[in-house]
Amino acid sequence: MTKAELINYLAKDCNVSKTLAEKLINSVTHNIAKCLRKNDKITLTGFGTFYPSKRKARTGRNPQTGAVINIKARRVPRFKPGKLLKDWVA
């Protein structure tokens, strides 16, 4: 499903305009990213939890040349699905 398809579903489900549905989707994703940037976690009960995770520095290889490269430590977003979401998908 694309973002445009999700906007269409949301607009029909909530009986609102596509413009408003797009603003809602953009607001939700922006605020989730903002919270993750501040190192907070976001829990949507039944759906799941978004949280930042630390990835350690490591060495890797350039697949074209085979040269060893250093990969810096960084924070990455993670998602852990909730029980209700797992049951819906199963």
N, C-alpha and C. Protein backbone atom coordinates (compact mmCIF):
# COMPACT_ATOMS: atom_id res chain seq x y z
N MET A 1 0.85 -1.18 0.00
CA MET A 1 0.00 0.00 0.00
C MET A 1 0.89 1.24 0.00
N THR A 2 0.54 2.18 -0.80
CA THR A 2 1.30 3.43 -0.87
C THR A 2 0.68 4.46 0.07
N LYS A 3 1.40 5.56 0.25
CA LYS A 3 0.89 6.64 1.09
C LYS A 3 -0.42 7.19 0.51
N ALA A 4 -0.50 7.33 -0.80
CA ALA A 4 -1.72 7.84 -1.44
C ALA A 4 -2.90 6.90 -1.20
N GLU A 5 -2.68 5.61 -1.26
CA GLU A 5 -3.75 4.64 -0.99
C GLU A 5 -4.19 4.72 0.47
N LEU A 6 -3.24 4.87 1.38
CA LEU A 6 -3.57 5.00 2.79
C LEU A 6 -4.41 6.26 3.03
N ILE A 7 -4.04 7.34 2.37
CA ILE A 7 -4.80 8.60 2.49
C ILE A 7 -6.23 8.40 1.99
N ASN A 8 -6.40 7.70 0.87
CA ASN A 8 -7.74 7.42 0.35
C ASN A 8 -8.57 6.60 1.34
N TYR A 9 -7.97 5.55 1.92
CA TYR A 9 -8.68 4.73 2.91
C TYR A 9 -9.09 5.55 4.13
N LEU A 10 -8.16 6.36 4.63
CA LEU A 10 -8.43 7.18 5.80
C LEU A 10 -9.54 8.20 5.51
N ALA A 11 -9.50 8.82 4.35
CA ALA A 11 -10.52 9.80 3.97
C ALA A 11 -11.90 9.15 3.92
N LYS A 12 -11.99 7.95 3.33
CA LYS A 12 -13.28 7.25 3.25
C LYS A 12 -13.74 6.78 4.63
N ASP A 13 -12.82 6.20 5.41
CA ASP A 13 -13.14 5.67 6.73
C ASP A 13 -13.66 6.75 7.68
N CYS A 14 -13.03 7.90 7.66
CA CYS A 14 -13.36 8.98 8.60
C CYS A 14 -14.30 10.01 7.99
N ASN A 15 -14.65 9.82 6.73
CA ASN A 15 -15.55 10.73 6.04
C ASN A 15 -15.01 12.17 6.08
N VAL A 16 -13.73 12.30 5.70
CA VAL A 16 -13.09 13.62 5.64
C VAL A 16 -12.47 13.79 4.25
N SER A 17 -12.02 14.99 3.95
CA SER A 17 -11.39 15.24 2.65
C SER A 17 -10.02 14.57 2.59
N LYS A 18 -9.55 14.34 1.37
CA LYS A 18 -8.22 13.75 1.19
C LYS A 18 -7.14 14.70 1.70
N THR A 19 -7.39 16.00 1.58
CA THR A 19 -6.42 16.99 2.05
C THR A 19 -6.24 16.87 3.56
N LEU A 20 -7.35 16.76 4.29
CA LEU A 20 -7.27 16.62 5.74
C LEU A 20 -6.64 15.28 6.12
N ALA A 21 -6.99 14.22 5.41
CA ALA A 21 -6.41 12.91 5.69
C ALA A 21 -4.89 12.94 5.48
N GLU A 22 -4.43 13.63 4.44
CA GLU A 22 -3.00 13.73 4.18
C GLU A 22 -2.31 14.52 5.29
N LYS A 23 -2.94 15.59 5.75
CA LYS A 23 -2.37 16.38 6.84
C LYS A 23 -2.25 15.53 8.10
N LEU A 24 -3.25 14.69 8.37
CA LEU A 24 -3.21 13.83 9.56
C LEU A 24 -2.07 12.81 9.46
N ILE A 25 -1.95 12.16 8.31
CA ILE A 25 -0.87 11.18 8.12
C ILE A 25 0.49 11.86 8.27
N ASN A 26 0.66 13.01 7.64
CA ASN A 26 1.94 13.74 7.73
C ASN A 26 2.24 14.15 9.16
N SER A 27 1.22 14.57 9.89
CA SER A 27 1.41 14.99 11.28
C SER A 27 1.83 13.80 12.15
N VAL A 28 1.17 12.68 11.97
CA VAL A 28 1.49 11.49 12.77
C VAL A 28 2.93 11.04 12.50
N THR A 29 3.30 10.91 11.23
CA THR A 29 4.66 10.44 10.92
C THR A 29 5.72 11.45 11.37
N HIS A 30 5.43 12.73 11.20
CA HIS A 30 6.38 13.76 11.63
C HIS A 30 6.59 13.72 13.14
N ASN A 31 5.51 13.58 13.90
CA ASN A 31 5.62 13.58 15.36
C ASN A 31 6.25 12.30 15.89
N ILE A 32 6.05 11.18 15.21
CA ILE A 32 6.74 9.95 15.60
C ILE A 32 8.24 10.14 15.40
N ALA A 33 8.63 10.68 14.25
CA ALA A 33 10.05 10.91 13.98
C ALA A 33 10.65 11.90 14.98
N LYS A 34 9.89 12.94 15.33
CA LYS A 34 10.37 13.94 16.28
C LYS A 34 10.62 13.31 17.65
N CYS A 35 9.72 12.44 18.09
CA CYS A 35 9.90 11.77 19.38
C CYS A 35 11.09 10.83 19.34
N LEU A 36 11.27 10.10 18.25
CA LEU A 36 12.41 9.21 18.14
C LEU A 36 13.72 9.98 18.14
N ARG A 37 13.73 11.14 17.52
CA ARG A 37 14.92 11.99 17.51
C ARG A 37 15.29 12.41 18.93
N LYS A 38 14.27 12.63 19.79
CA LYS A 38 14.52 13.03 21.18
C LYS A 38 14.79 11.82 22.07
N ASN A 39 14.91 10.64 21.46
CA ASN A 39 15.20 9.40 22.16
C ASN A 39 14.02 8.91 23.01
N ASP A 40 12.80 9.31 22.66
CA ASP A 40 11.60 8.83 23.33
C ASP A 40 11.06 7.62 22.58
N LYS A 41 10.23 6.83 23.28
CA LYS A 41 9.55 5.76 22.58
C LYS A 41 8.06 6.06 22.54
N ILE A 42 7.40 5.55 21.51
CA ILE A 42 5.98 5.80 21.31
C ILE A 42 5.27 4.46 21.31
N THR A 43 4.31 4.29 22.22
CA THR A 43 3.56 3.05 22.30
C THR A 43 2.11 3.30 21.91
N LEU A 44 1.65 2.59 20.91
CA LEU A 44 0.26 2.60 20.50
C LEU A 44 -0.31 1.26 20.95
N THR A 45 -1.02 1.26 22.06
CA THR A 45 -1.49 0.03 22.69
C THR A 45 -2.22 -0.85 21.68
N GLY A 46 -1.81 -2.11 21.62
CA GLY A 46 -2.40 -3.07 20.71
C GLY A 46 -1.74 -3.08 19.35
N PHE A 47 -1.19 -1.94 18.92
CA PHE A 47 -0.58 -1.85 17.59
C PHE A 47 0.91 -2.14 17.67
N GLY A 48 1.63 -1.40 18.53
CA GLY A 48 3.06 -1.64 18.66
C GLY A 48 3.80 -0.46 19.24
N THR A 49 5.11 -0.58 19.28
CA THR A 49 5.96 0.44 19.88
C THR A 49 7.07 0.81 18.91
N PHE A 50 7.23 2.12 18.71
CA PHE A 50 8.35 2.66 17.95
C PHE A 50 9.38 3.10 18.98
N TYR A 51 10.66 2.75 18.76
CA TYR A 51 11.68 3.17 19.71
C TYR A 51 13.02 3.31 19.00
N PRO A 52 13.88 4.19 19.51
CA PRO A 52 15.22 4.33 18.93
C PRO A 52 16.14 3.25 19.49
N SER A 53 17.04 2.78 18.68
CA SER A 53 17.98 1.75 19.09
C SER A 53 19.38 2.18 18.66
N LYS A 54 20.37 1.81 19.46
CA LYS A 54 21.75 2.15 19.13
C LYS A 54 22.38 0.99 18.35
N ARG A 55 23.06 1.35 17.27
CA ARG A 55 23.80 0.36 16.49
C ARG A 55 25.29 0.66 16.70
N LYS A 56 26.04 -0.34 17.10
CA LYS A 56 27.46 -0.16 17.40
C LYS A 56 28.27 0.09 16.12
N ALA A 57 29.42 0.72 16.31
CA ALA A 57 30.36 0.90 15.20
C ALA A 57 30.89 -0.48 14.81
N ARG A 58 31.13 -0.65 13.51
CA ARG A 58 31.62 -1.94 13.04
C ARG A 58 32.41 -1.74 11.75
N THR A 59 33.06 -2.80 11.33
CA THR A 59 33.75 -2.75 10.04
C THR A 59 32.93 -3.51 9.02
N GLY A 60 33.01 -3.05 7.79
CA GLY A 60 32.29 -3.70 6.70
C GLY A 60 33.19 -3.76 5.49
N ARG A 61 32.62 -4.22 4.38
CA ARG A 61 33.40 -4.31 3.15
C ARG A 61 32.62 -3.63 2.02
N ASN A 62 33.37 -2.90 1.21
CA ASN A 62 32.79 -2.33 0.01
C ASN A 62 32.56 -3.49 -0.95
N PRO A 63 31.30 -3.75 -1.37
CA PRO A 63 31.03 -4.92 -2.21
C PRO A 63 31.68 -4.85 -3.60
N GLN A 64 31.99 -3.65 -4.08
CA GLN A 64 32.60 -3.51 -5.41
C GLN A 64 34.10 -3.76 -5.39
N THR A 65 34.76 -3.21 -4.35
CA THR A 65 36.22 -3.30 -4.31
C THR A 65 36.73 -4.31 -3.29
N GLY A 66 35.90 -4.67 -2.32
CA GLY A 66 36.34 -5.57 -1.26
C GLY A 66 37.13 -4.88 -0.18
N ALA A 67 37.30 -3.55 -0.29
CA ALA A 67 38.07 -2.79 0.70
C ALA A 67 37.32 -2.73 2.03
N VAL A 68 38.07 -2.77 3.11
CA VAL A 68 37.49 -2.69 4.45
C VAL A 68 37.11 -1.23 4.71
N ILE A 69 35.91 -1.02 5.25
CA ILE A 69 35.46 0.33 5.60
C ILE A 69 34.96 0.33 7.03
N ASN A 70 35.07 1.47 7.68
CA ASN A 70 34.56 1.63 9.04
C ASN A 70 33.17 2.23 8.96
N ILE A 71 32.23 1.61 9.66
CA ILE A 71 30.86 2.09 9.72
C ILE A 71 30.65 2.68 11.10
N LYS A 72 30.24 3.95 11.15
CA LYS A 72 30.09 4.65 12.42
C LYS A 72 28.91 4.12 13.23
N ALA A 73 28.98 4.32 14.55
CA ALA A 73 27.85 4.01 15.42
C ALA A 73 26.73 5.01 15.12
N ARG A 74 25.48 4.58 15.24
CA ARG A 74 24.36 5.47 14.99
C ARG A 74 23.10 4.96 15.65
N ARG A 75 22.13 5.83 15.74
CA ARG A 75 20.82 5.44 16.26
C ARG A 75 19.91 5.15 15.06
N VAL A 76 19.11 4.11 15.20
CA VAL A 76 18.18 3.74 14.14
C VAL A 76 16.79 3.52 14.74
N PRO A 77 15.73 3.76 13.97
CA PRO A 77 14.38 3.51 14.47
C PRO A 77 14.05 2.02 14.42
N ARG A 78 13.32 1.56 15.40
CA ARG A 78 12.86 0.17 15.46
C ARG A 78 11.36 0.16 15.72
N PHE A 79 10.73 -0.97 15.42
CA PHE A 79 9.30 -1.14 15.69
C PHE A 79 9.08 -2.54 16.21
N LYS A 80 8.35 -2.64 17.32
CA LYS A 80 7.99 -3.93 17.89
C LYS A 80 6.47 -4.03 17.83
N PRO A 81 5.93 -4.97 17.04
CA PRO A 81 4.48 -5.07 16.93
C PRO A 81 3.84 -5.53 18.23
N GLY A 82 2.62 -5.03 18.49
CA GLY A 82 1.87 -5.41 19.67
C GLY A 82 1.10 -6.72 19.42
N LYS A 83 0.53 -7.26 20.48
CA LYS A 83 -0.19 -8.52 20.39
C LYS A 83 -1.37 -8.45 19.43
N LEU A 84 -2.15 -7.38 19.51
CA LEU A 84 -3.32 -7.26 18.64
C LEU A 84 -2.92 -7.23 17.17
N LEU A 85 -1.86 -6.52 16.83
CA LEU A 85 -1.38 -6.47 15.46
C LEU A 85 -0.90 -7.85 15.01
N LYS A 86 -0.18 -8.54 15.88
CA LYS A 86 0.29 -9.88 15.55
C LYS A 86 -0.89 -10.82 15.29
N ASP A 87 -1.93 -10.70 16.11
CA ASP A 87 -3.12 -11.56 15.93
C ASP A 87 -3.86 -11.22 14.65
N TRP A 88 -3.92 -9.95 14.28
CA TRP A 88 -4.60 -9.55 13.03
C TRP A 88 -3.89 -10.14 11.82
N VAL A 89 -2.55 -10.12 11.86
CA VAL A 89 -1.77 -10.55 10.71
C VAL A 89 -1.75 -12.08 10.61
N ALA A 90 -1.73 -12.75 11.73
CA ALA A 90 -1.63 -14.22 11.75
C ALA A 90 -2.84 -14.90 11.17
